[in-house]
C-alpha cells in the first residue's frame, strides 16, 4: 500500500464516520408520537416515593444506611441506592425498617445487629473483623508489603552491583596496546603532539 492509498482510505473512513454519526446510511430516524411527549420521561418506570421528612436525612440514619448493603443486588449501600436508583423497590423498604428501628430507640450498632440477624452477614458493606474475616483485612496489606520489600531488595542489590562494577572499571582502566607497526606508533605520537600544541 502506498501513501496515496493510505490517505484515500483514511479520508473515506473519516467520511463514513461523519455520515454514521449524522444519521447513518440507510437508517431512518425513529418515529415519535407527538402525543407521547418526552420519550425520556417514563413515570411508569419510577417508583412513587413518599415525601421526604427530617428523619430521612438524619445523620444517624444516613450513617447506619451507609453501613448496610441494599438487598436488590446492586452492591450499593441503602442510602446511596435509595437516593440514586429510583427504580429499586428494596431500598425504600429497608429505609423504612431502619427508620422504625431508630424510632424505637435502638442505637446504630443495635440496628446493624438486627439487620444481620434478619438478612445475614452479607447485608454488611464490610465484613466483621473477626475469625476468618481478618484475612480479608490483613492479607492484602501483607501481600503489598512483601511485594514492596522484594522489589526494594532487588533494586538495592542491583544498584550495589552496578556501583561495584563502576568502581572496578574506574580503578583499572583498560590497558593501552602498542601499535603493531612501529611506523604507525611514531605517526600517532606526532599527531598527538600536534593536537596538544
N, C-alpha and C. Protein backbone atom coordinates (compact mmCIF):
# COMPACT_ATOMS: atom_id res chain seq x y z
N UNK A 1 0.86 -1.16 0.00
CA UNK A 1 0.00 0.00 0.00
C UNK A 1 0.92 1.23 0.00
N UNK A 2 0.64 2.15 -0.91
CA UNK A 2 1.45 3.35 -0.97
C UNK A 2 0.78 4.46 -0.17
N UNK A 3 1.43 5.60 -0.16
CA UNK A 3 0.95 6.73 0.65
C UNK A 3 -0.40 7.25 0.16
N UNK A 4 -0.57 7.31 -1.15
CA UNK A 4 -1.81 7.82 -1.72
C UNK A 4 -2.99 6.94 -1.33
N UNK A 5 -2.82 5.61 -1.37
CA UNK A 5 -3.90 4.70 -0.97
C UNK A 5 -4.23 4.85 0.52
N UNK A 6 -3.20 5.04 1.34
CA UNK A 6 -3.43 5.20 2.78
C UNK A 6 -4.22 6.47 3.06
N UNK A 7 -3.88 7.57 2.37
CA UNK A 7 -4.62 8.82 2.57
C UNK A 7 -6.05 8.67 2.09
N UNK A 8 -6.26 8.01 0.96
CA UNK A 8 -7.61 7.82 0.43
C UNK A 8 -8.45 6.99 1.40
N UNK A 9 -7.88 5.91 1.93
CA UNK A 9 -8.63 5.07 2.87
C UNK A 9 -8.97 5.82 4.15
N UNK A 10 -8.02 6.61 4.66
CA UNK A 10 -8.26 7.39 5.87
C UNK A 10 -9.37 8.41 5.64
N UNK A 11 -9.34 9.07 4.48
CA UNK A 11 -10.36 10.06 4.16
C UNK A 11 -11.74 9.42 4.05
N UNK A 12 -11.81 8.27 3.38
CA UNK A 12 -13.09 7.58 3.24
C UNK A 12 -13.61 7.09 4.59
N UNK A 13 -12.70 6.63 5.44
CA UNK A 13 -13.13 6.17 6.78
C UNK A 13 -13.68 7.33 7.59
N UNK A 14 -13.00 8.47 7.54
CA UNK A 14 -13.47 9.64 8.28
C UNK A 14 -14.82 10.10 7.76
N UNK A 15 -14.99 10.09 6.45
CA UNK A 15 -16.28 10.48 5.87
C UNK A 15 -17.38 9.51 6.29
N UNK A 16 -17.06 8.24 6.33
CA UNK A 16 -18.04 7.24 6.77
C UNK A 16 -18.44 7.44 8.21
N UNK A 17 -17.46 7.78 9.08
CA UNK A 17 -17.78 8.02 10.48
C UNK A 17 -18.67 9.25 10.63
N UNK A 18 -18.38 10.30 9.87
CA UNK A 18 -19.21 11.50 9.94
C UNK A 18 -20.63 11.22 9.49
N UNK A 19 -20.77 10.45 8.42
CA UNK A 19 -22.11 10.11 7.94
C UNK A 19 -22.83 9.22 8.94
N UNK A 20 -22.07 8.32 9.57
CA UNK A 20 -22.68 7.43 10.56
C UNK A 20 -23.17 8.18 11.77
N UNK A 21 -22.44 9.21 12.19
CA UNK A 21 -22.83 10.00 13.35
C UNK A 21 -24.05 10.85 13.03
N UNK A 22 -24.15 11.32 11.81
CA UNK A 22 -25.24 12.22 11.45
C UNK A 22 -26.52 11.49 11.05
N UNK A 23 -26.58 10.22 11.19
CA UNK A 23 -27.83 9.53 10.91
C UNK A 23 -27.61 8.19 10.25
N UNK A 24 -26.43 7.98 9.74
CA UNK A 24 -26.11 6.69 9.15
C UNK A 24 -26.65 6.53 7.75
N UNK A 25 -26.12 5.55 7.08
CA UNK A 25 -26.55 5.26 5.73
C UNK A 25 -27.64 4.22 5.80
N UNK A 26 -28.76 4.51 5.22
CA UNK A 26 -29.85 3.55 5.19
C UNK A 26 -30.66 3.48 6.47
N UNK A 27 -30.40 4.35 7.42
CA UNK A 27 -31.15 4.34 8.66
C UNK A 27 -32.24 5.40 8.60
N UNK A 28 -33.35 5.09 9.20
CA UNK A 28 -34.42 6.08 9.27
C UNK A 28 -34.54 6.53 10.71
N UNK A 29 -34.79 7.82 10.91
CA UNK A 29 -34.92 8.29 12.29
C UNK A 29 -36.14 7.69 12.95
N UNK A 30 -36.09 7.48 14.27
CA UNK A 30 -37.24 6.88 14.96
C UNK A 30 -38.45 7.80 14.89
N UNK A 31 -39.59 7.19 14.71
CA UNK A 31 -40.83 7.96 14.64
C UNK A 31 -41.30 8.26 16.06
N UNK A 32 -41.55 9.51 16.33
CA UNK A 32 -42.02 9.90 17.66
C UNK A 32 -43.49 10.26 17.58
N UNK A 33 -44.17 9.80 18.58
CA UNK A 33 -45.59 10.13 18.70
C UNK A 33 -45.67 11.47 19.41
N UNK A 34 -46.22 12.46 18.75
CA UNK A 34 -46.26 13.80 19.33
C UNK A 34 -47.13 13.84 20.58
N UNK A 35 -48.05 12.91 20.73
CA UNK A 35 -48.90 12.90 21.91
C UNK A 35 -48.20 12.28 23.11
N UNK A 36 -47.11 11.51 22.87
CA UNK A 36 -46.41 10.83 23.95
C UNK A 36 -45.54 11.78 24.76
N UNK A 37 -45.15 12.91 24.19
CA UNK A 37 -44.32 13.86 24.92
C UNK A 37 -42.86 13.45 24.89
N UNK A 38 -42.15 13.76 25.94
CA UNK A 38 -40.73 13.47 26.03
C UNK A 38 -40.50 11.96 26.18
N UNK A 39 -39.70 11.34 25.26
CA UNK A 39 -39.50 9.89 25.34
C UNK A 39 -38.67 9.47 26.55
N UNK A 40 -37.92 10.39 27.16
CA UNK A 40 -37.11 10.03 28.31
C UNK A 40 -37.90 10.07 29.61
N UNK A 41 -39.04 10.72 29.60
CA UNK A 41 -39.87 10.79 30.80
C UNK A 41 -40.81 9.61 30.82
N UNK A 42 -40.52 8.66 31.70
CA UNK A 42 -41.32 7.45 31.80
C UNK A 42 -41.78 7.28 33.24
N UNK A 43 -42.90 7.85 33.62
CA UNK A 43 -43.34 7.75 35.02
C UNK A 43 -43.71 6.32 35.42
N UNK A 44 -43.97 5.44 34.47
CA UNK A 44 -44.32 4.07 34.82
C UNK A 44 -43.11 3.29 35.33
N UNK A 45 -41.88 3.76 35.05
CA UNK A 45 -40.68 3.06 35.49
C UNK A 45 -40.28 3.49 36.90
N UNK A 46 -40.50 4.74 37.22
CA UNK A 46 -40.06 5.28 38.51
C UNK A 46 -41.08 4.95 39.59
N UNK A 47 -40.57 4.53 40.73
CA UNK A 47 -41.43 4.22 41.87
C UNK A 47 -41.96 5.50 42.49
N UNK A 48 -43.16 5.46 42.99
CA UNK A 48 -43.68 6.60 43.75
C UNK A 48 -42.96 6.64 45.09
N UNK A 49 -42.48 7.80 45.44
CA UNK A 49 -41.73 7.97 46.69
C UNK A 49 -42.53 8.83 47.65
N UNK A 50 -42.38 8.53 48.90
CA UNK A 50 -43.05 9.32 49.93
C UNK A 50 -42.33 10.66 50.06
N UNK A 51 -43.02 11.62 50.60
CA UNK A 51 -42.44 12.93 50.83
C UNK A 51 -41.33 12.80 51.87
N UNK A 52 -40.17 13.41 51.58
CA UNK A 52 -39.03 13.31 52.49
C UNK A 52 -39.33 14.06 53.78
N UNK A 53 -38.91 13.45 54.88
CA UNK A 53 -39.08 14.06 56.19
C UNK A 53 -37.71 14.34 56.79
N UNK A 54 -37.69 14.99 57.92
CA UNK A 54 -36.42 15.29 58.59
C UNK A 54 -35.71 14.02 59.01
N UNK A 55 -36.46 12.98 59.35
CA UNK A 55 -35.82 11.73 59.78
C UNK A 55 -35.15 11.01 58.61
N UNK A 56 -35.59 11.28 57.37
CA UNK A 56 -34.95 10.67 56.20
C UNK A 56 -33.52 11.16 56.04
N UNK A 57 -33.25 12.37 56.44
CA UNK A 57 -31.93 12.96 56.30
C UNK A 57 -31.19 13.09 57.62
N UNK A 58 -31.65 12.36 58.62
CA UNK A 58 -31.00 12.35 59.92
C UNK A 58 -29.59 11.76 59.76
N UNK A 59 -28.55 12.42 60.26
CA UNK A 59 -27.18 11.90 60.12
C UNK A 59 -26.99 10.51 60.70
N UNK A 60 -27.70 10.19 61.77
CA UNK A 60 -27.59 8.85 62.37
C UNK A 60 -28.16 7.80 61.41
N UNK A 61 -29.30 8.10 60.83
CA UNK A 61 -29.93 7.17 59.89
C UNK A 61 -29.05 7.00 58.65
N UNK A 62 -28.51 8.11 58.14
CA UNK A 62 -27.60 8.03 56.98
C UNK A 62 -26.39 7.17 57.31
N UNK A 63 -25.82 7.37 58.51
CA UNK A 63 -24.65 6.59 58.90
C UNK A 63 -24.93 5.11 58.98
N UNK A 64 -26.10 4.75 59.52
CA UNK A 64 -26.47 3.34 59.60
C UNK A 64 -26.69 2.77 58.20
N UNK A 65 -27.38 3.53 57.35
CA UNK A 65 -27.67 3.05 56.00
C UNK A 65 -26.40 2.90 55.16
N UNK A 66 -25.38 3.68 55.45
CA UNK A 66 -24.12 3.54 54.71
C UNK A 66 -23.34 2.31 55.15
N UNK A 67 -23.67 1.75 56.28
CA UNK A 67 -23.01 0.53 56.76
C UNK A 67 -23.71 -0.73 56.26
N UNK A 68 -24.93 -0.58 55.72
CA UNK A 68 -25.73 -1.73 55.30
C UNK A 68 -25.90 -1.75 53.79
N UNK A 69 -25.82 -2.94 53.21
CA UNK A 69 -25.93 -3.12 51.77
C UNK A 69 -27.39 -3.33 51.38
N UNK A 70 -27.78 -2.75 50.25
CA UNK A 70 -29.13 -2.97 49.73
C UNK A 70 -29.23 -4.42 49.25
N UNK A 71 -30.38 -5.04 49.43
CA UNK A 71 -30.56 -6.45 49.08
C UNK A 71 -31.03 -6.65 47.64
N UNK A 72 -31.06 -5.56 46.84
CA UNK A 72 -31.52 -5.70 45.46
C UNK A 72 -30.44 -6.28 44.55
N UNK A 73 -29.21 -6.36 45.03
CA UNK A 73 -28.14 -6.91 44.21
C UNK A 73 -27.26 -5.86 43.56
N UNK A 74 -27.47 -4.60 43.88
CA UNK A 74 -26.70 -3.51 43.24
C UNK A 74 -25.35 -3.30 43.91
N UNK A 75 -25.11 -3.88 45.07
CA UNK A 75 -23.88 -3.73 45.85
C UNK A 75 -23.65 -2.30 46.33
N UNK A 76 -24.69 -1.50 46.38
CA UNK A 76 -24.61 -0.16 46.95
C UNK A 76 -25.15 -0.21 48.38
N UNK A 77 -24.76 0.78 49.17
CA UNK A 77 -25.36 0.85 50.49
C UNK A 77 -26.80 1.36 50.36
N UNK A 78 -27.58 1.18 51.41
CA UNK A 78 -29.01 1.51 51.35
C UNK A 78 -29.21 2.99 51.05
N UNK A 79 -28.43 3.86 51.67
CA UNK A 79 -28.60 5.30 51.45
C UNK A 79 -28.34 5.67 50.00
N UNK A 80 -27.24 5.19 49.43
CA UNK A 80 -26.91 5.52 48.04
C UNK A 80 -27.94 4.94 47.09
N UNK A 81 -28.38 3.72 47.34
CA UNK A 81 -29.36 3.09 46.46
C UNK A 81 -30.69 3.84 46.49
N UNK A 82 -31.13 4.21 47.68
CA UNK A 82 -32.45 4.87 47.76
C UNK A 82 -32.42 6.29 47.24
N UNK A 83 -31.24 6.94 47.21
CA UNK A 83 -31.17 8.32 46.73
C UNK A 83 -30.72 8.44 45.29
N UNK A 84 -30.27 7.33 44.66
CA UNK A 84 -29.82 7.41 43.27
C UNK A 84 -30.59 6.49 42.34
N UNK A 85 -31.02 5.34 42.79
CA UNK A 85 -31.71 4.38 41.94
C UNK A 85 -33.20 4.41 42.28
N UNK A 86 -33.95 5.19 41.52
CA UNK A 86 -35.37 5.36 41.82
C UNK A 86 -36.23 4.23 41.27
N UNK A 87 -35.59 3.22 40.66
CA UNK A 87 -36.35 2.05 40.20
C UNK A 87 -36.26 0.91 41.20
N UNK A 88 -35.41 1.05 42.22
CA UNK A 88 -35.23 -0.01 43.22
C UNK A 88 -36.43 -0.03 44.16
N UNK A 89 -36.98 -1.22 44.34
CA UNK A 89 -38.12 -1.34 45.26
C UNK A 89 -37.67 -1.86 46.63
N UNK A 90 -36.41 -2.28 46.76
CA UNK A 90 -35.91 -2.82 48.02
C UNK A 90 -35.44 -1.72 48.97
N UNK A 91 -34.73 -0.74 48.45
CA UNK A 91 -34.13 0.27 49.34
C UNK A 91 -35.16 1.10 50.10
N UNK A 92 -36.32 1.47 49.53
CA UNK A 92 -37.30 2.19 50.36
C UNK A 92 -37.81 1.35 51.53
N UNK A 93 -38.00 0.06 51.29
CA UNK A 93 -38.47 -0.84 52.36
C UNK A 93 -37.40 -0.96 53.44
N UNK A 94 -36.14 -1.13 53.04
CA UNK A 94 -35.05 -1.23 54.02
C UNK A 94 -34.91 0.09 54.78
N UNK A 95 -35.10 1.20 54.09
CA UNK A 95 -35.05 2.52 54.74
C UNK A 95 -36.14 2.64 55.81
N UNK A 96 -37.34 2.16 55.48
CA UNK A 96 -38.43 2.21 56.46
C UNK A 96 -38.11 1.34 57.67
N UNK A 97 -37.44 0.20 57.46
CA UNK A 97 -37.05 -0.65 58.58
C UNK A 97 -36.03 0.07 59.47
N UNK A 98 -35.07 0.73 58.85
CA UNK A 98 -34.07 1.48 59.63
C UNK A 98 -34.76 2.58 60.42
N UNK A 99 -35.68 3.30 59.77
CA UNK A 99 -36.40 4.38 60.47
C UNK A 99 -37.21 3.83 61.65
N UNK A 100 -37.86 2.68 61.46
CA UNK A 100 -38.67 2.09 62.54
C UNK A 100 -37.79 1.68 63.71
N UNK A 101 -36.65 1.07 63.42
CA UNK A 101 -35.75 0.66 64.49
C UNK A 101 -35.15 1.89 65.19
N UNK A 102 -34.84 2.92 64.44
CA UNK A 102 -34.29 4.14 65.04
C UNK A 102 -35.35 4.84 65.90
N UNK A 103 -36.59 4.85 65.41
CA UNK A 103 -37.68 5.48 66.17
C UNK A 103 -37.98 4.71 67.45
N UNK A 104 -37.70 3.40 67.45
CA UNK A 104 -37.95 2.62 68.67
C UNK A 104 -36.86 2.80 69.71
N UNK A 105 -35.84 3.61 69.39
CA UNK A 105 -34.81 3.93 70.38
C UNK A 105 -33.57 3.08 70.31
N UNK A 106 -33.41 2.31 69.25
CA UNK A 106 -32.21 1.47 69.13
C UNK A 106 -31.02 2.31 68.68
N UNK A 107 -29.85 1.91 69.15
CA UNK A 107 -28.61 2.59 68.76
C UNK A 107 -28.20 2.11 67.36
N UNK A 108 -27.29 2.82 66.71
CA UNK A 108 -26.85 2.38 65.38
C UNK A 108 -26.29 0.96 65.37
N UNK A 109 -25.51 0.59 66.37
CA UNK A 109 -24.97 -0.77 66.41
C UNK A 109 -26.07 -1.81 66.60
N UNK A 110 -27.08 -1.47 67.39
CA UNK A 110 -28.21 -2.40 67.58
C UNK A 110 -29.01 -2.55 66.28
N UNK A 111 -29.14 -1.47 65.51
CA UNK A 111 -29.86 -1.55 64.23
C UNK A 111 -29.08 -2.46 63.28
N UNK A 112 -27.76 -2.29 63.23
CA UNK A 112 -26.94 -3.14 62.35
C UNK A 112 -27.04 -4.59 62.79
N UNK A 113 -27.02 -4.84 64.09
CA UNK A 113 -27.14 -6.21 64.61
C UNK A 113 -28.48 -6.80 64.23
N UNK A 114 -29.56 -6.01 64.31
CA UNK A 114 -30.88 -6.50 63.92
C UNK A 114 -30.92 -6.86 62.43
N UNK A 115 -30.28 -6.06 61.59
CA UNK A 115 -30.24 -6.35 60.15
C UNK A 115 -29.44 -7.62 59.88
N UNK A 116 -28.32 -7.79 60.59
CA UNK A 116 -27.51 -9.01 60.40
C UNK A 116 -28.31 -10.23 60.84
N UNK A 117 -29.07 -10.10 61.92
CA UNK A 117 -29.89 -11.22 62.39
C UNK A 117 -30.98 -11.57 61.36
N UNK A 118 -31.54 -10.56 60.70
CA UNK A 118 -32.63 -10.80 59.76
C UNK A 118 -32.14 -11.23 58.38
N UNK A 119 -31.10 -10.55 57.85
CA UNK A 119 -30.66 -10.78 56.46
C UNK A 119 -29.34 -11.53 56.34
N UNK A 120 -28.65 -11.72 57.42
CA UNK A 120 -27.36 -12.41 57.36
C UNK A 120 -26.22 -11.42 57.26
N UNK A 121 -25.00 -11.94 57.36
CA UNK A 121 -23.82 -11.08 57.36
C UNK A 121 -23.56 -10.42 56.00
N UNK A 122 -24.14 -10.96 54.93
CA UNK A 122 -23.93 -10.38 53.61
C UNK A 122 -24.58 -9.00 53.47
N UNK A 123 -25.41 -8.58 54.42
CA UNK A 123 -26.03 -7.26 54.37
C UNK A 123 -25.05 -6.16 54.78
N UNK A 124 -23.92 -6.54 55.36
CA UNK A 124 -22.92 -5.56 55.78
C UNK A 124 -22.07 -5.11 54.59
N UNK A 125 -21.73 -3.84 54.55
CA UNK A 125 -20.86 -3.32 53.50
C UNK A 125 -19.43 -3.82 53.69
N UNK A 126 -19.00 -4.03 54.93
CA UNK A 126 -17.68 -4.57 55.24
C UNK A 126 -17.87 -5.70 56.24
N UNK A 127 -17.13 -6.81 56.07
CA UNK A 127 -17.30 -7.93 56.99
C UNK A 127 -16.83 -7.58 58.40
N UNK A 128 -17.36 -8.30 59.37
CA UNK A 128 -16.98 -8.11 60.76
C UNK A 128 -15.53 -8.58 60.92
N UNK A 129 -14.64 -7.76 61.49
CA UNK A 129 -13.23 -8.15 61.60
C UNK A 129 -12.97 -9.16 62.71
N UNK A 130 -13.40 -10.37 62.51
CA UNK A 130 -13.14 -11.44 63.49
C UNK A 130 -13.10 -12.76 62.73
N UNK A 131 -12.37 -13.71 63.28
CA UNK A 131 -12.27 -15.03 62.67
C UNK A 131 -11.59 -14.97 61.31
N UNK A 132 -12.16 -15.71 60.36
CA UNK A 132 -11.58 -15.79 59.02
C UNK A 132 -11.66 -14.45 58.29
N UNK A 133 -12.60 -13.60 58.65
CA UNK A 133 -12.73 -12.29 58.00
C UNK A 133 -11.49 -11.43 58.21
N UNK A 134 -10.71 -11.70 59.25
CA UNK A 134 -9.48 -10.95 59.47
C UNK A 134 -8.51 -11.11 58.30
N UNK A 135 -8.58 -12.26 57.64
CA UNK A 135 -7.72 -12.48 56.48
C UNK A 135 -8.01 -11.45 55.39
N UNK A 136 -9.26 -11.09 55.24
CA UNK A 136 -9.62 -10.08 54.24
C UNK A 136 -9.05 -8.71 54.56
N UNK A 137 -8.81 -8.44 55.82
CA UNK A 137 -8.23 -7.17 56.22
C UNK A 137 -6.70 -7.21 56.21
N UNK A 138 -6.12 -8.36 56.59
CA UNK A 138 -4.67 -8.43 56.77
C UNK A 138 -3.90 -8.89 55.53
N UNK A 139 -4.43 -9.86 54.79
CA UNK A 139 -3.68 -10.44 53.67
C UNK A 139 -3.33 -9.41 52.60
N UNK A 140 -4.22 -8.54 52.16
CA UNK A 140 -3.80 -7.57 51.14
C UNK A 140 -2.66 -6.66 51.60
N UNK A 141 -2.71 -6.20 52.84
CA UNK A 141 -1.64 -5.34 53.35
C UNK A 141 -0.32 -6.08 53.43
N UNK A 142 -0.35 -7.33 53.91
CA UNK A 142 0.87 -8.13 53.99
C UNK A 142 1.42 -8.41 52.60
N UNK A 143 0.54 -8.72 51.65
CA UNK A 143 0.99 -9.01 50.28
C UNK A 143 1.64 -7.78 49.64
N UNK A 144 1.04 -6.61 49.82
CA UNK A 144 1.62 -5.38 49.26
C UNK A 144 2.96 -5.08 49.93
N UNK A 145 3.05 -5.27 51.24
CA UNK A 145 4.30 -5.02 51.95
C UNK A 145 5.40 -5.97 51.48
N UNK A 146 5.08 -7.26 51.33
CA UNK A 146 6.07 -8.22 50.86
C UNK A 146 6.51 -7.92 49.43
N UNK A 147 5.56 -7.56 48.57
CA UNK A 147 5.92 -7.23 47.19
C UNK A 147 6.83 -6.00 47.16
N UNK A 148 6.52 -4.98 47.96
CA UNK A 148 7.36 -3.78 48.00
C UNK A 148 8.75 -4.09 48.54
N UNK A 149 8.82 -4.93 49.59
CA UNK A 149 10.12 -5.29 50.15
C UNK A 149 10.95 -6.08 49.16
N UNK A 150 10.32 -6.98 48.42
CA UNK A 150 11.04 -7.77 47.42
C UNK A 150 11.58 -6.88 46.31
N UNK A 151 10.76 -5.98 45.82
CA UNK A 151 11.21 -5.07 44.76
C UNK A 151 12.35 -4.18 45.28
N UNK A 152 12.21 -3.66 46.50
CA UNK A 152 13.26 -2.82 47.07
C UNK A 152 14.56 -3.61 47.24
N UNK A 153 14.46 -4.87 47.66
CA UNK A 153 15.65 -5.71 47.83
C UNK A 153 16.38 -5.88 46.51
N UNK A 154 15.66 -6.22 45.45
CA UNK A 154 16.30 -6.46 44.16
C UNK A 154 16.86 -5.16 43.57
N UNK A 155 16.17 -4.04 43.75
CA UNK A 155 16.68 -2.76 43.25
C UNK A 155 17.94 -2.34 44.01
N UNK A 156 17.95 -2.52 45.32
CA UNK A 156 19.12 -2.19 46.12
C UNK A 156 20.29 -3.09 45.75
N UNK A 157 20.02 -4.36 45.58
CA UNK A 157 21.07 -5.31 45.20
C UNK A 157 21.66 -4.94 43.84
N UNK A 158 20.80 -4.56 42.91
CA UNK A 158 21.27 -4.21 41.57
C UNK A 158 22.08 -2.92 41.61
N UNK A 159 21.63 -1.92 42.37
CA UNK A 159 22.38 -0.66 42.43
C UNK A 159 23.74 -0.87 43.07
N UNK A 160 23.84 -1.75 44.08
CA UNK A 160 25.14 -2.04 44.69
C UNK A 160 26.06 -2.74 43.70
N UNK A 161 25.50 -3.64 42.94
CA UNK A 161 26.31 -4.37 41.94
C UNK A 161 26.82 -3.41 40.87
N UNK A 162 25.97 -2.50 40.42
CA UNK A 162 26.40 -1.52 39.42
C UNK A 162 27.47 -0.59 40.00
N UNK A 163 27.34 -0.22 41.28
CA UNK A 163 28.34 0.63 41.91
C UNK A 163 29.68 -0.09 42.01
N UNK A 164 29.65 -1.38 42.34
CA UNK A 164 30.89 -2.16 42.42
C UNK A 164 31.55 -2.26 41.05
N UNK A 165 30.75 -2.50 40.01
CA UNK A 165 31.30 -2.59 38.66
C UNK A 165 31.89 -1.26 38.22
N UNK A 166 31.24 -0.16 38.56
CA UNK A 166 31.76 1.16 38.20
C UNK A 166 33.07 1.44 38.94
N UNK A 167 33.15 1.02 40.21
CA UNK A 167 34.37 1.23 40.98
C UNK A 167 35.52 0.41 40.41
N UNK A 168 35.27 -0.82 40.02
CA UNK A 168 36.31 -1.67 39.44
C UNK A 168 36.76 -1.10 38.10
N UNK A 169 35.82 -0.61 37.30
CA UNK A 169 36.17 -0.06 35.99
C UNK A 169 36.98 1.22 36.12
N UNK A 170 36.72 2.04 37.14
CA UNK A 170 37.46 3.30 37.28
C UNK A 170 38.85 3.08 37.86
N UNK A 171 39.05 2.03 38.65
CA UNK A 171 40.35 1.78 39.26
C UNK A 171 41.32 1.22 38.24
N UNK A 172 40.92 0.28 37.45
CA UNK A 172 41.83 -0.34 36.49
C UNK A 172 41.34 -0.07 35.07
N UNK A 173 41.87 0.99 34.46
CA UNK A 173 41.45 1.27 33.09
C UNK A 173 41.98 0.20 32.15
N UNK A 174 41.40 0.13 31.03
CA UNK A 174 41.82 -0.87 30.04
C UNK A 174 43.24 -0.56 29.58
N UNK A 175 44.09 -1.58 29.43
CA UNK A 175 45.48 -1.33 29.01
C UNK A 175 45.52 -0.79 27.58
N UNK A 176 46.49 0.12 27.35
CA UNK A 176 46.69 0.68 26.01
C UNK A 176 47.62 -0.23 25.27
N UNK A 177 47.21 -0.64 24.11
CA UNK A 177 48.04 -1.55 23.34
C UNK A 177 48.99 -0.75 22.45
N UNK A 178 50.16 -1.27 22.33
CA UNK A 178 51.11 -0.67 21.40
C UNK A 178 50.70 -1.05 19.98
N UNK A 179 50.86 -0.10 19.07
CA UNK A 179 50.54 -0.45 17.69
C UNK A 179 51.48 -1.54 17.18
N UNK A 180 50.98 -2.37 16.32
CA UNK A 180 51.77 -3.48 15.80
C UNK A 180 52.91 -2.97 14.90
N UNK A 181 52.67 -1.89 14.23
CA UNK A 181 53.65 -1.36 13.31
C UNK A 181 54.35 -0.17 13.98
N UNK A 182 55.68 -0.14 14.07
CA UNK A 182 56.38 0.98 14.70
C UNK A 182 56.15 2.31 13.96
N UNK A 183 55.95 2.26 12.68
CA UNK A 183 55.71 3.49 11.92
C UNK A 183 54.38 4.12 12.34
N UNK A 184 53.38 3.27 12.55
CA UNK A 184 52.08 3.77 12.99
C UNK A 184 52.20 4.40 14.38
N UNK A 185 53.01 3.83 15.23
CA UNK A 185 53.20 4.38 16.57
C UNK A 185 53.86 5.74 16.51
N UNK A 186 54.86 5.89 15.65
CA UNK A 186 55.53 7.18 15.50
C UNK A 186 54.59 8.24 14.93
N UNK A 187 53.81 7.86 13.95
CA UNK A 187 52.85 8.80 13.36
C UNK A 187 51.80 9.21 14.40
N UNK A 188 51.36 8.27 15.22
CA UNK A 188 50.38 8.57 16.27
C UNK A 188 50.96 9.56 17.28
N UNK A 189 52.23 9.39 17.69
CA UNK A 189 52.85 10.31 18.63
C UNK A 189 52.97 11.71 18.04
N UNK A 190 53.32 11.81 16.76
CA UNK A 190 53.41 13.11 16.12
C UNK A 190 52.06 13.81 16.07
N UNK A 191 51.02 13.04 15.74
CA UNK A 191 49.68 13.63 15.66
C UNK A 191 49.20 14.09 17.03
N UNK A 192 49.50 13.30 18.05
CA UNK A 192 49.10 13.68 19.40
C UNK A 192 49.83 14.92 19.88
N UNK A 193 51.10 15.01 19.58
CA UNK A 193 51.87 16.19 20.00
C UNK A 193 51.37 17.43 19.23
N UNK A 194 50.98 17.26 17.99
CA UNK A 194 50.45 18.40 17.21
C UNK A 194 49.11 18.85 17.76
N UNK A 195 48.29 17.93 18.15
CA UNK A 195 46.97 18.27 18.69
C UNK A 195 47.12 18.95 20.04
N UNK A 196 48.06 18.51 20.86
CA UNK A 196 48.24 19.08 22.18
C UNK A 196 48.83 20.49 22.12
N UNK A 197 49.53 20.84 21.09
CA UNK A 197 50.12 22.18 20.95
C UNK A 197 49.19 23.21 20.49
